[in-house]
């Protein structure tokens, strides 16, 4: 099959889905995490499905619907209609005009994604500066994937560093090398997701290229960037003994060139997000239970054998904690 080339929207200003304060697992210390809306990959377990599509979307919580019909009255396309005592949303007909969002008195519909300028984001981040100073924390730019919007992310990282804030970039590193290289001087830490060591699965399931990710990771390491590799452990996808051996063998070659490895057990908390986007029926992990730390001990042991250790924080389960 033809290799998949990295995609990006370099001239696009992304929407922001969330600014999460007091985060303690997105890098060192207490952090404020900025979630950009848009990603070139399509991981079927994605914990933030609202960040995949770069366009504005409507979250619809049917449990809040009172059946008043206000949305039906204002919808120009017929996408909103009453079925019995509840409103339904036909996303195939929806034009995302947002009139139903404005009309709903119960707050059952809301936008996922809002426009914010870089200066607005920086001002919000600086509100938490005292927590950063007391904990060694800072700001994490996440998504989606921030490298899907390389110019915006570069300018945001520059401005945050101008304010003397610690900047972490949470990315899958499926992008052109030039984007990472330009960003490197303005990122204090890269958090790089490594989802599988199977190139076919990376292409066919995730819709990306493992070769591109490895090349970018290795070039970043050679350039002296501070890197933590994050492994999301997903039941049935990358949790076999062979998967664990492959992760340990590869990351062992990077020992001493990366700061550490974080094992991230699958969690099921994203289920409601899929419901709000009407993607529950197509969500492959809707019946999958969250993994516990003890469920990933096999991978942790193999990474310890490869030279990583909890003693020096070069190995964690769940990520660095504040």
C-alpha atoms as a PDB file:
ATOM      1  CA  UNK A   1       0.000   0.000   0.000  1.00  0.00           C
ATOM      2  CA  UNK A   2       1.040   3.604  -0.581  1.00  0.00           C
ATOM      3  CA  UNK A   3       2.659   5.332   2.391  1.00  0.00           C
ATOM      4  CA  UNK A   4       0.608   8.023   4.095  1.00  0.00           C
ATOM      5  CA  UNK A   5       2.227  11.451   4.038  1.00  0.00           C
ATOM      6  CA  UNK A   6       1.790  13.871   6.957  1.00  0.00           C
ATOM      7  CA  UNK A   7      -1.011  16.399   6.581  1.00  0.00           C
ATOM      8  CA  UNK A   8      -1.178  19.845   8.156  1.00  0.00           C
ATOM      9  CA  UNK A   9      -3.117  23.094   8.080  1.00  0.00           C
ATOM     10  CA  UNK A  10      -0.181  25.500   8.361  1.00  0.00           C
ATOM     11  CA  UNK A  11      -2.134  28.688   7.696  1.00  0.00           C
ATOM     12  CA  UNK A  12      -5.126  27.795   9.855  1.00  0.00           C
ATOM     13  CA  UNK A  13      -5.840  29.301  13.258  1.00  0.00           C
ATOM     14  CA  UNK A  14      -7.270  26.381  15.239  1.00  0.00           C
ATOM     15  CA  UNK A  15     -10.305  26.424  17.445  1.00  0.00           C
ATOM     16  CA  UNK A  16      -9.781  25.702  21.141  1.00  0.00           C
ATOM     17  CA  UNK A  17     -11.897  22.950  22.711  1.00  0.00           C
ATOM     18  CA  UNK A  18     -10.696  23.364  26.285  1.00  0.00           C
ATOM     19  CA  UNK A  19      -8.213  25.097  28.546  1.00  0.00           C
ATOM     20  CA  UNK A  20      -7.719  22.629  31.359  1.00  0.00           C
ATOM     21  CA  UNK A  21      -6.266  24.043  34.536  1.00  0.00           C
ATOM     22  CA  UNK A  22      -4.514  22.181  37.361  1.00  0.00           C
ATOM     23  CA  UNK A  23      -3.514  19.296  35.100  1.00  0.00           C
ATOM     24  CA  UNK A  24      -0.919  17.048  36.735  1.00  0.00           C
ATOM     25  CA  UNK A  25      -0.344  14.403  34.053  1.00  0.00           C
ATOM     26  CA  UNK A  26       0.597  16.454  30.993  1.00  0.00           C
ATOM     27  CA  UNK A  27       4.186  17.130  31.983  1.00  0.00           C
ATOM     28  CA  UNK A  28       5.997  18.180  35.161  1.00  0.00           C
ATOM     29  CA  UNK A  29       4.287  20.125  37.933  1.00  0.00           C
ATOM     30  CA  UNK A  30       0.871  21.752  37.824  1.00  0.00           C
ATOM     31  CA  UNK A  31       0.021  22.648  34.246  1.00  0.00           C
ATOM     32  CA  UNK A  32      -2.515  24.429  32.105  1.00  0.00           C
ATOM     33  CA  UNK A  33      -3.243  22.352  29.013  1.00  0.00           C
ATOM     34  CA  UNK A  34      -4.467  23.983  25.808  1.00  0.00           C
ATOM     35  CA  UNK A  35      -6.449  21.638  23.544  1.00  0.00           C
ATOM     36  CA  UNK A  36      -6.376  22.568  19.849  1.00  0.00           C
ATOM     37  CA  UNK A  37      -9.140  21.195  17.613  1.00  0.00           C
ATOM     38  CA  UNK A  38      -7.834  19.162  14.696  1.00  0.00           C
ATOM     39  CA  UNK A  39      -5.701  16.052  14.154  1.00  0.00           C
ATOM     40  CA  UNK A  40      -4.278  14.252  11.085  1.00  0.00           C
ATOM     41  CA  UNK A  41      -4.683  10.824  12.736  1.00  0.00           C
ATOM     42  CA  UNK A  42      -7.783   8.786  13.535  1.00  0.00           C
ATOM     43  CA  UNK A  43      -7.022   6.623  16.560  1.00  0.00           C
ATOM     44  CA  UNK A  44     -10.220   4.608  17.168  1.00  0.00           C
ATOM     45  CA  UNK A  45      -9.764   4.863  20.962  1.00  0.00           C
ATOM     46  CA  UNK A  46      -9.188   8.638  20.953  1.00  0.00           C
ATOM     47  CA  UNK A  47      -9.864  10.053  24.414  1.00  0.00           C
ATOM     48  CA  UNK A  48     -10.684  13.479  22.971  1.00  0.00           C
ATOM     49  CA  UNK A  49     -12.816  12.782  19.875  1.00  0.00           C
ATOM     50  CA  UNK A  50     -14.044  16.372  19.866  1.00  0.00           C
ATOM     51  CA  UNK A  51     -10.507  17.424  18.876  1.00  0.00           C
ATOM     52  CA  UNK A  52     -10.281  15.342  15.688  1.00  0.00           C
ATOM     53  CA  UNK A  53     -12.305  17.513  13.293  1.00  0.00           C
ATOM     54  CA  UNK A  54     -10.839  21.018  12.905  1.00  0.00           C
ATOM     55  CA  UNK A  55     -14.308  22.433  12.222  1.00  0.00           C
ATOM     56  CA  UNK A  56     -16.783  23.532  14.873  1.00  0.00           C
ATOM     57  CA  UNK A  57     -19.134  20.756  16.022  1.00  0.00           C
ATOM     58  CA  UNK A  58     -22.295  20.608  18.095  1.00  0.00           C
ATOM     59  CA  UNK A  59     -22.306  18.580  21.286  1.00  0.00           C
ATOM     60  CA  UNK A  60     -25.839  17.367  21.955  1.00  0.00           C
ATOM     61  CA  UNK A  61     -26.779  15.952  25.363  1.00  0.00           C
ATOM     62  CA  UNK A  62     -30.182  14.303  24.902  1.00  0.00           C
ATOM     63  CA  UNK A  63     -30.500  13.778  28.653  1.00  0.00           C
ATOM     64  CA  UNK A  64     -30.893  17.545  29.043  1.00  0.00           C
ATOM     65  CA  UNK A  65     -33.515  17.884  26.299  1.00  0.00           C
ATOM     66  CA  UNK A  66     -36.948  18.956  27.565  1.00  0.00           C
ATOM     67  CA  UNK A  67     -38.689  18.422  24.224  1.00  0.00           C
ATOM     68  CA  UNK A  68     -39.693  22.073  23.944  1.00  0.00           C
ATOM     69  CA  UNK A  69     -39.065  22.134  20.188  1.00  0.00           C
ATOM     70  CA  UNK A  70     -37.222  25.461  20.136  1.00  0.00           C
ATOM     71  CA  UNK A  71     -34.416  23.906  18.095  1.00  0.00           C
ATOM     72  CA  UNK A  72     -36.874  22.547  15.528  1.00  0.00           C
ATOM     73  CA  UNK A  73     -38.428  25.978  15.027  1.00  0.00           C
ATOM     74  CA  UNK A  74     -35.113  27.667  14.179  1.00  0.00           C
ATOM     75  CA  UNK A  75     -33.330  24.897  12.239  1.00  0.00           C
ATOM     76  CA  UNK A  76     -33.136  25.929   8.543  1.00  0.00           C
ATOM     77  CA  UNK A  77     -32.175  22.485   7.222  1.00  0.00           C
ATOM     78  CA  UNK A  78     -34.593  20.193   9.051  1.00  0.00           C
ATOM     79  CA  UNK A  79     -31.735  18.518  10.905  1.00  0.00           C
ATOM     80  CA  UNK A  80     -33.475  19.082  14.250  1.00  0.00           C
ATOM     81  CA  UNK A  81     -36.797  17.349  14.685  1.00  0.00           C
ATOM     82  CA  UNK A  82     -38.967  15.967  17.456  1.00  0.00           C
ATOM     83  CA  UNK A  83     -39.385  12.244  17.884  1.00  0.00           C
ATOM     84  CA  UNK A  84     -41.928  11.765  20.619  1.00  0.00           C
ATOM     85  CA  UNK A  85     -40.960  13.928  23.567  1.00  0.00           C
ATOM     86  CA  UNK A  86     -37.338  14.432  22.592  1.00  0.00           C
ATOM     87  CA  UNK A  87     -35.396  16.260  19.913  1.00  0.00           C
ATOM     88  CA  UNK A  88     -33.017  14.403  17.614  1.00  0.00           C
ATOM     89  CA  UNK A  89     -30.201  15.820  15.491  1.00  0.00           C
ATOM     90  CA  UNK A  90     -29.590  14.513  11.982  1.00  0.00           C
ATOM     91  CA  UNK A  91     -25.916  15.324  11.537  1.00  0.00           C
ATOM     92  CA  UNK A  92     -26.055  14.406   7.866  1.00  0.00           C
ATOM     93  CA  UNK A  93     -28.440  17.316   7.283  1.00  0.00           C
ATOM     94  CA  UNK A  94     -26.909  19.677   9.843  1.00  0.00           C
ATOM     95  CA  UNK A  95     -25.145  22.721   8.394  1.00  0.00           C
ATOM     96  CA  UNK A  96     -23.595  23.643  11.774  1.00  0.00           C
ATOM     97  CA  UNK A  97     -25.195  27.072  11.656  1.00  0.00           C
ATOM     98  CA  UNK A  98     -25.612  27.003  15.442  1.00  0.00           C
ATOM     99  CA  UNK A  99     -29.121  28.408  15.635  1.00  0.00           C
ATOM    100  CA  UNK A 100     -30.236  25.431  17.715  1.00  0.00           C
ATOM    101  CA  UNK A 101     -27.379  26.076  20.155  1.00  0.00           C
ATOM    102  CA  UNK A 102     -28.548  29.642  20.687  1.00  0.00           C
ATOM    103  CA  UNK A 103     -32.228  28.654  20.930  1.00  0.00           C
ATOM    104  CA  UNK A 104     -31.978  25.745  23.382  1.00  0.00           C
ATOM    105  CA  UNK A 105     -33.170  26.971  26.822  1.00  0.00           C
ATOM    106  CA  UNK A 106     -31.975  23.783  28.553  1.00  0.00           C
ATOM    107  CA  UNK A 107     -28.370  24.004  27.362  1.00  0.00           C
ATOM    108  CA  UNK A 108     -28.618  20.580  25.728  1.00  0.00           C
ATOM    109  CA  UNK A 109     -26.642  21.804  22.717  1.00  0.00           C
ATOM    110  CA  UNK A 110     -23.325  23.594  22.841  1.00  0.00           C
ATOM    111  CA  UNK A 111     -20.414  24.280  20.553  1.00  0.00           C
ATOM    112  CA  UNK A 112     -17.258  22.208  20.681  1.00  0.00           C
ATOM    113  CA  UNK A 113     -14.504  24.614  19.707  1.00  0.00           C
ATOM    114  CA  UNK A 114     -14.173  28.349  20.164  1.00  0.00           C
ATOM    115  CA  UNK A 115     -11.980  30.914  18.473  1.00  0.00           C
ATOM    116  CA  UNK A 116      -9.291  32.457  20.669  1.00  0.00           C
ATOM    117  CA  UNK A 117      -6.349  34.647  19.793  1.00  0.00           C
ATOM    118  CA  UNK A 118      -2.844  33.805  20.921  1.00  0.00           C
ATOM    119  CA  UNK A 119      -2.880  36.792  23.266  1.00  0.00           C
ATOM    120  CA  UNK A 120      -6.119  35.593  24.879  1.00  0.00           C
ATOM    121  CA  UNK A 121      -4.606  32.152  25.468  1.00  0.00           C
ATOM    122  CA  UNK A 122      -1.416  33.619  26.921  1.00  0.00           C
ATOM    123  CA  UNK A 123      -3.403  35.841  29.287  1.00  0.00           C
ATOM    124  CA  UNK A 124      -5.388  32.850  30.554  1.00  0.00           C
ATOM    125  CA  UNK A 125      -2.228  30.821  31.039  1.00  0.00           C
ATOM    126  CA  UNK A 126      -0.545  33.610  32.994  1.00  0.00           C
ATOM    127  CA  UNK A 127      -3.441  33.574  35.462  1.00  0.00           C
ATOM    128  CA  UNK A 128      -1.996  30.274  36.727  1.00  0.00           C
ATOM    129  CA  UNK A 129       1.608  31.453  36.916  1.00  0.00           C
ATOM    130  CA  UNK A 130       1.854  31.197  40.706  1.00  0.00           C
ATOM    131  CA  UNK A 131       0.933  27.494  40.496  1.00  0.00           C
ATOM    132  CA  UNK A 132       3.614  26.967  37.857  1.00  0.00           C
ATOM    133  CA  UNK A 133       6.238  28.679  39.991  1.00  0.00           C
ATOM    134  CA  UNK A 134       5.390  26.701  43.118  1.00  0.00           C
ATOM    135  CA  UNK A 135       5.305  23.314  41.383  1.00  0.00           C
ATOM    136  CA  UNK A 136       7.739  23.542  38.481  1.00  0.00           C
ATOM    137  CA  UNK A 137       4.820  23.409  36.065  1.00  0.00           C
ATOM    138  CA  UNK A 138       3.839  25.332  32.969  1.00  0.00           C
ATOM    139  CA  UNK A 139       1.731  25.144  29.831  1.00  0.00           C
ATOM    140  CA  UNK A 140       1.151  22.088  27.647  1.00  0.00           C
ATOM    141  CA  UNK A 141      -0.055  22.594  24.083  1.00  0.00           C
ATOM    142  CA  UNK A 142      -2.090  19.534  23.140  1.00  0.00           C
ATOM    143  CA  UNK A 143      -4.998  18.554  20.946  1.00  0.00           C
ATOM    144  CA  UNK A 144      -5.842  17.056  18.582  1.00  0.00           C
ATOM    145  CA  UNK A 145      -2.271  17.588  17.546  1.00  0.00           C
ATOM    146  CA  UNK A 146      -0.559  20.976  17.768  1.00  0.00           C
ATOM    147  CA  UNK A 147       1.725  20.112  14.836  1.00  0.00           C
ATOM    148  CA  UNK A 148      -1.381  20.002  12.632  1.00  0.00           C
ATOM    149  CA  UNK A 149      -1.273  23.802  13.042  1.00  0.00           C
ATOM    150  CA  UNK A 150       2.488  24.392  12.950  1.00  0.00           C
ATOM    151  CA  UNK A 151       2.591  28.169  12.521  1.00  0.00           C
ATOM    152  CA  UNK A 152       0.004  28.885  15.194  1.00  0.00           C
ATOM    153  CA  UNK A 153       1.724  26.499  17.610  1.00  0.00           C
ATOM    154  CA  UNK A 154       5.124  28.033  16.891  1.00  0.00           C
ATOM    155  CA  UNK A 155       3.860  31.549  17.615  1.00  0.00           C
ATOM    156  CA  UNK A 156       1.972  30.430  20.731  1.00  0.00           C
ATOM    157  CA  UNK A 157       5.053  28.661  22.101  1.00  0.00           C
ATOM    158  CA  UNK A 158       7.168  31.752  21.388  1.00  0.00           C
ATOM    159  CA  UNK A 159       4.762  34.005  23.241  1.00  0.00           C
ATOM    160  CA  UNK A 160       4.546  31.659  26.218  1.00  0.00           C
ATOM    161  CA  UNK A 161       8.331  31.525  26.443  1.00  0.00           C
ATOM    162  CA  UNK A 162       8.449  35.320  26.192  1.00  0.00           C
ATOM    163  CA  UNK A 163       6.473  35.230  29.456  1.00  0.00           C
ATOM    164  CA  UNK A 164       9.080  32.826  30.928  1.00  0.00           C
ATOM    165  CA  UNK A 165       6.592  29.956  31.080  1.00  0.00           C
ATOM    166  CA  UNK A 166       7.652  26.316  30.696  1.00  0.00           C
ATOM    167  CA  UNK A 167       6.235  24.966  27.412  1.00  0.00           C
ATOM    168  CA  UNK A 168       5.482  21.322  26.637  1.00  0.00           C
ATOM    169  CA  UNK A 169       4.245  20.066  23.263  1.00  0.00           C
ATOM    170  CA  UNK A 170       2.024  16.970  23.279  1.00  0.00           C
ATOM    171  CA  UNK A 171       2.170  15.468  19.784  1.00  0.00           C
ATOM    172  CA  UNK A 172       2.181  12.238  17.790  1.00  0.00           C
ATOM    173  CA  UNK A 173       5.080  13.692  15.740  1.00  0.00           C
ATOM    174  CA  UNK A 174       3.373  12.690  12.494  1.00  0.00           C
ATOM    175  CA  UNK A 175       4.382  15.844  10.646  1.00  0.00           C
ATOM    176  CA  UNK A 176       7.043  17.371   8.456  1.00  0.00           C
ATOM    177  CA  UNK A 177      10.397  17.493  10.214  1.00  0.00           C
ATOM    178  CA  UNK A 178      10.770  21.200   9.420  1.00  0.00           C
ATOM    179  CA  UNK A 179       7.782  22.013  11.642  1.00  0.00           C
ATOM    180  CA  UNK A 180       9.342  20.261  14.641  1.00  0.00           C
ATOM    181  CA  UNK A 181      12.756  21.730  13.931  1.00  0.00           C
ATOM    182  CA  UNK A 182      11.368  25.278  13.868  1.00  0.00           C
ATOM    183  CA  UNK A 183       9.435  24.665  17.074  1.00  0.00           C
ATOM    184  CA  UNK A 184      12.317  23.024  18.942  1.00  0.00           C
ATOM    185  CA  UNK A 185      13.927  26.203  20.376  1.00  0.00           C
ATOM    186  CA  UNK A 186      10.598  27.253  21.903  1.00  0.00           C
ATOM    187  CA  UNK A 187       9.625  23.927  23.494  1.00  0.00           C
ATOM    188  CA  UNK A 188      11.084  22.953  26.856  1.00  0.00           C
ATOM    189  CA  UNK A 189       9.640  19.455  26.558  1.00  0.00           C
ATOM    190  CA  UNK A 190       8.168  17.229  23.868  1.00  0.00           C
ATOM    191  CA  UNK A 191       5.625  14.586  24.907  1.00  0.00           C
ATOM    192  CA  UNK A 192       5.571  12.193  21.955  1.00  0.00           C
ATOM    193  CA  UNK A 193       2.938   9.484  21.613  1.00  0.00           C
ATOM    194  CA  UNK A 194       4.252   6.153  20.355  1.00  0.00           C
ATOM    195  CA  UNK A 195       1.159   4.104  19.636  1.00  0.00           C
ATOM    196  CA  UNK A 196       2.556   0.898  18.106  1.00  0.00           C
ATOM    197  CA  UNK A 197       5.758  -0.501  16.631  1.00  0.00           C
ATOM    198  CA  UNK A 198       3.788  -2.228  13.876  1.00  0.00           C
ATOM    199  CA  UNK A 199       3.995  -0.107  10.740  1.00  0.00           C
ATOM    200  CA  UNK A 200       1.032  -1.812   9.094  1.00  0.00           C
ATOM    201  CA  UNK A 201      -1.226  -1.152  12.083  1.00  0.00           C
ATOM    202  CA  UNK A 202      -0.026   2.437  12.248  1.00  0.00           C
ATOM    203  CA  UNK A 203      -1.015   2.915   8.623  1.00  0.00           C
ATOM    204  CA  UNK A 204      -4.217   0.873   8.477  1.00  0.00           C
ATOM    205  CA  UNK A 205      -5.719   1.664  11.896  1.00  0.00           C
ATOM    206  CA  UNK A 206      -4.297   5.035  12.899  1.00  0.00           C
ATOM    207  CA  UNK A 207      -3.925   6.316   9.313  1.00  0.00           C
ATOM    208  CA  UNK A 208      -0.397   7.586   9.726  1.00  0.00           C
ATOM    209  CA  UNK A 209       3.196   6.507   9.180  1.00  0.00           C
ATOM    210  CA  UNK A 210       5.313   4.924  11.912  1.00  0.00           C
ATOM    211  CA  UNK A 211       8.433   5.583   9.833  1.00  0.00           C
ATOM    212  CA  UNK A 212       7.758   9.333   9.884  1.00  0.00           C
ATOM    213  CA  UNK A 213       7.174   9.288  13.655  1.00  0.00           C
ATOM    214  CA  UNK A 214      10.372   7.323  14.336  1.00  0.00           C
ATOM    215  CA  UNK A 215      12.435   9.555  12.091  1.00  0.00           C
ATOM    216  CA  UNK A 216      11.126  12.689  13.789  1.00  0.00           C
ATOM    217  CA  UNK A 217      11.630  11.240  17.262  1.00  0.00           C
ATOM    218  CA  UNK A 218      15.199  10.224  16.494  1.00  0.00           C
ATOM    219  CA  UNK A 219      16.054  13.563  14.878  1.00  0.00           C
ATOM    220  CA  UNK A 220      14.620  15.464  17.842  1.00  0.00           C
ATOM    221  CA  UNK A 221      16.674  13.324  20.211  1.00  0.00           C
ATOM    222  CA  UNK A 222      19.821  13.874  18.142  1.00  0.00           C
ATOM    223  CA  UNK A 223      19.178  17.628  18.232  1.00  0.00           C
ATOM    224  CA  UNK A 224      19.183  17.569  22.038  1.00  0.00           C
ATOM    225  CA  UNK A 225      15.478  18.172  22.642  1.00  0.00           C
ATOM    226  CA  UNK A 226      14.014  17.030  25.957  1.00  0.00           C
ATOM    227  CA  UNK A 227      11.596  14.212  25.151  1.00  0.00           C
ATOM    228  CA  UNK A 228       9.276  11.917  27.034  1.00  0.00           C
ATOM    229  CA  UNK A 229       7.741   9.112  25.002  1.00  0.00           C
ATOM    230  CA  UNK A 230       4.170   8.242  25.963  1.00  0.00           C
ATOM    231  CA  UNK A 231       2.710   4.816  25.209  1.00  0.00           C
ATOM    232  CA  UNK A 232      -1.098   4.601  25.331  1.00  0.00           C
ATOM    233  CA  UNK A 233      -1.779   0.941  26.123  1.00  0.00           C
ATOM    234  CA  UNK A 234      -4.935  -0.085  24.264  1.00  0.00           C
ATOM    235  CA  UNK A 235      -6.609  -3.476  24.839  1.00  0.00           C
ATOM    236  CA  UNK A 236      -6.438  -5.655  21.757  1.00  0.00           C
ATOM    237  CA  UNK A 237      -4.333  -3.165  19.812  1.00  0.00           C
ATOM    238  CA  UNK A 238      -0.874  -2.911  21.372  1.00  0.00           C
ATOM    239  CA  UNK A 239      -0.965  -4.889  24.624  1.00  0.00           C
ATOM    240  CA  UNK A 240       0.429  -8.269  23.567  1.00  0.00           C
ATOM    241  CA  UNK A 241       3.757  -9.694  24.710  1.00  0.00           C
ATOM    242  CA  UNK A 242       5.109  -9.099  21.210  1.00  0.00           C
ATOM    243  CA  UNK A 243       3.995  -5.456  21.346  1.00  0.00           C
ATOM    244  CA  UNK A 244       5.707  -4.980  24.703  1.00  0.00           C
ATOM    245  CA  UNK A 245       8.921  -6.570  23.423  1.00  0.00           C
ATOM    246  CA  UNK A 246       8.907  -4.285  20.388  1.00  0.00           C
ATOM    247  CA  UNK A 247       8.381  -1.131  22.468  1.00  0.00           C
ATOM    248  CA  UNK A 248      11.182  -2.071  24.867  1.00  0.00           C
ATOM    249  CA  UNK A 249      13.603  -3.038  22.098  1.00  0.00           C
ATOM    250  CA  UNK A 250      13.117   0.218  20.219  1.00  0.00           C
ATOM    251  CA  UNK A 251      13.072   2.564  23.201  1.00  0.00           C
ATOM    252  CA  UNK A 252      16.125   0.826  24.619  1.00  0.00           C
ATOM    253  CA  UNK A 253      18.048   2.185  21.630  1.00  0.00           C
ATOM    254  CA  UNK A 254      17.060   5.701  22.722  1.00  0.00           C
ATOM    255  CA  UNK A 255      18.081   5.284  26.378  1.00  0.00           C
ATOM    256  CA  UNK A 256      20.144   8.276  27.416  1.00  0.00           C
ATOM    257  CA  UNK A 257      18.753  10.380  24.577  1.00  0.00           C
ATOM    258  CA  UNK A 258      15.200  10.699  25.888  1.00  0.00           C
ATOM    259  CA  UNK A 259      14.165  11.839  29.362  1.00  0.00           C
ATOM    260  CA  UNK A 260      11.794   8.961  29.967  1.00  0.00           C
ATOM    261  CA  UNK A 261       8.799   6.844  29.049  1.00  0.00           C
ATOM    262  CA  UNK A 262       5.251   7.234  30.359  1.00  0.00           C
ATOM    263  CA  UNK A 263       2.868   4.273  30.150  1.00  0.00           C
ATOM    264  CA  UNK A 264      -0.720   5.494  29.781  1.00  0.00           C
ATOM    265  CA  UNK A 265      -3.303   2.756  30.492  1.00  0.00           C
ATOM    266  CA  UNK A 266      -6.511   2.960  28.460  1.00  0.00           C
ATOM    267  CA  UNK A 267      -9.405   4.633  30.238  1.00  0.00           C
ATOM    268  CA  UNK A 268     -13.088   4.625  29.355  1.00  0.00           C
ATOM    269  CA  UNK A 269     -13.871   8.180  30.491  1.00  0.00           C
ATOM    270  CA  UNK A 270     -14.302   9.400  26.905  1.00  0.00           C
ATOM    271  CA  UNK A 271     -17.531   7.461  26.402  1.00  0.00           C
ATOM    272  CA  UNK A 272     -19.799  10.426  27.066  1.00  0.00           C
ATOM    273  CA  UNK A 273     -17.890  12.530  24.531  1.00  0.00           C
ATOM    274  CA  UNK A 274     -18.739  10.010  21.822  1.00  0.00           C
ATOM    275  CA  UNK A 275     -22.388  10.133  22.863  1.00  0.00           C
ATOM    276  CA  UNK A 276     -22.451  13.938  22.661  1.00  0.00           C
ATOM    277  CA  UNK A 277     -21.103  13.730  19.108  1.00  0.00           C
ATOM    278  CA  UNK A 278     -23.491  10.890  18.146  1.00  0.00           C
ATOM    279  CA  UNK A 279     -20.551   8.545  17.564  1.00  0.00           C
ATOM    280  CA  UNK A 280     -21.338   6.052  20.310  1.00  0.00           C
ATOM    281  CA  UNK A 281     -22.484   3.268  17.969  1.00  0.00           C
ATOM    282  CA  UNK A 282     -19.262   3.495  15.934  1.00  0.00           C
ATOM    283  CA  UNK A 283     -16.977   3.801  18.985  1.00  0.00           C
ATOM    284  CA  UNK A 284     -15.034   0.537  18.989  1.00  0.00           C
ATOM    285  CA  UNK A 285     -14.137   0.704  22.684  1.00  0.00           C
ATOM    286  CA  UNK A 286     -17.582   1.428  24.096  1.00  0.00           C
ATOM    287  CA  UNK A 287     -17.636  -1.903  25.978  1.00  0.00           C
ATOM    288  CA  UNK A 288     -13.967  -1.850  27.009  1.00  0.00           C
ATOM    289  CA  UNK A 289     -13.178  -1.320  30.672  1.00  0.00           C
ATOM    290  CA  UNK A 290     -10.424   0.986  31.867  1.00  0.00           C
ATOM    291  CA  UNK A 291      -7.035  -0.604  32.469  1.00  0.00           C
ATOM    292  CA  UNK A 292      -5.498  -0.414  35.920  1.00  0.00           C
ATOM    293  CA  UNK A 293      -1.783   0.138  36.659  1.00  0.00           C
ATOM    294  CA  UNK A 294      -1.355  -3.555  37.417  1.00  0.00           C
ATOM    295  CA  UNK A 295      -2.619  -4.368  33.917  1.00  0.00           C
ATOM    296  CA  UNK A 296       0.462  -2.782  32.330  1.00  0.00           C
ATOM    297  CA  UNK A 297       3.109  -4.222  34.640  1.00  0.00           C
ATOM    298  CA  UNK A 298       4.329  -6.484  31.840  1.00  0.00           C
ATOM    299  CA  UNK A 299       5.312  -3.472  29.752  1.00  0.00           C
ATOM    300  CA  UNK A 300       6.781  -1.688  32.766  1.00  0.00           C
ATOM    301  CA  UNK A 301       9.021  -4.680  33.540  1.00  0.00           C
ATOM    302  CA  UNK A 302      10.315  -4.859  29.985  1.00  0.00           C
ATOM    303  CA  UNK A 303      11.065  -1.131  29.949  1.00  0.00           C
ATOM    304  CA  UNK A 304      12.922  -1.504  33.245  1.00  0.00           C
ATOM    305  CA  UNK A 305      15.010  -4.226  31.638  1.00  0.00           C
ATOM    306  CA  UNK A 306      15.722  -1.754  28.822  1.00  0.00           C
ATOM    307  CA  UNK A 307      17.176   0.679  31.363  1.00  0.00           C
ATOM    308  CA  UNK A 308      14.267   2.910  32.363  1.00  0.00           C
ATOM    309  CA  UNK A 309      13.395   3.263  36.042  1.00  0.00           C
ATOM    310  CA  UNK A 310      10.745   4.800  38.315  1.00  0.00           C
ATOM    311  CA  UNK A 311      13.549   5.746  40.692  1.00  0.00           C
ATOM    312  CA  UNK A 312      14.750   8.568  38.441  1.00  0.00           C
ATOM    313  CA  UNK A 313      11.354   9.292  36.821  1.00  0.00           C
ATOM    314  CA  UNK A 314      12.541   7.870  33.509  1.00  0.00           C
ATOM    315  CA  UNK A 315       9.628   5.441  33.757  1.00  0.00           C
ATOM    316  CA  UNK A 316       6.103   6.183  34.980  1.00  0.00           C
ATOM    317  CA  UNK A 317       2.674   4.632  34.769  1.00  0.00           C
ATOM    318  CA  UNK A 318       0.189   7.428  34.152  1.00  0.00           C
ATOM    319  CA  UNK A 319       2.682  10.181  33.366  1.00  0.00           C
ATOM    320  CA  UNK A 320       4.629  12.618  35.495  1.00  0.00           C
ATOM    321  CA  UNK A 321       2.531  13.877  38.375  1.00  0.00           C
ATOM    322  CA  UNK A 322       2.625  17.340  39.864  1.00  0.00           C
END
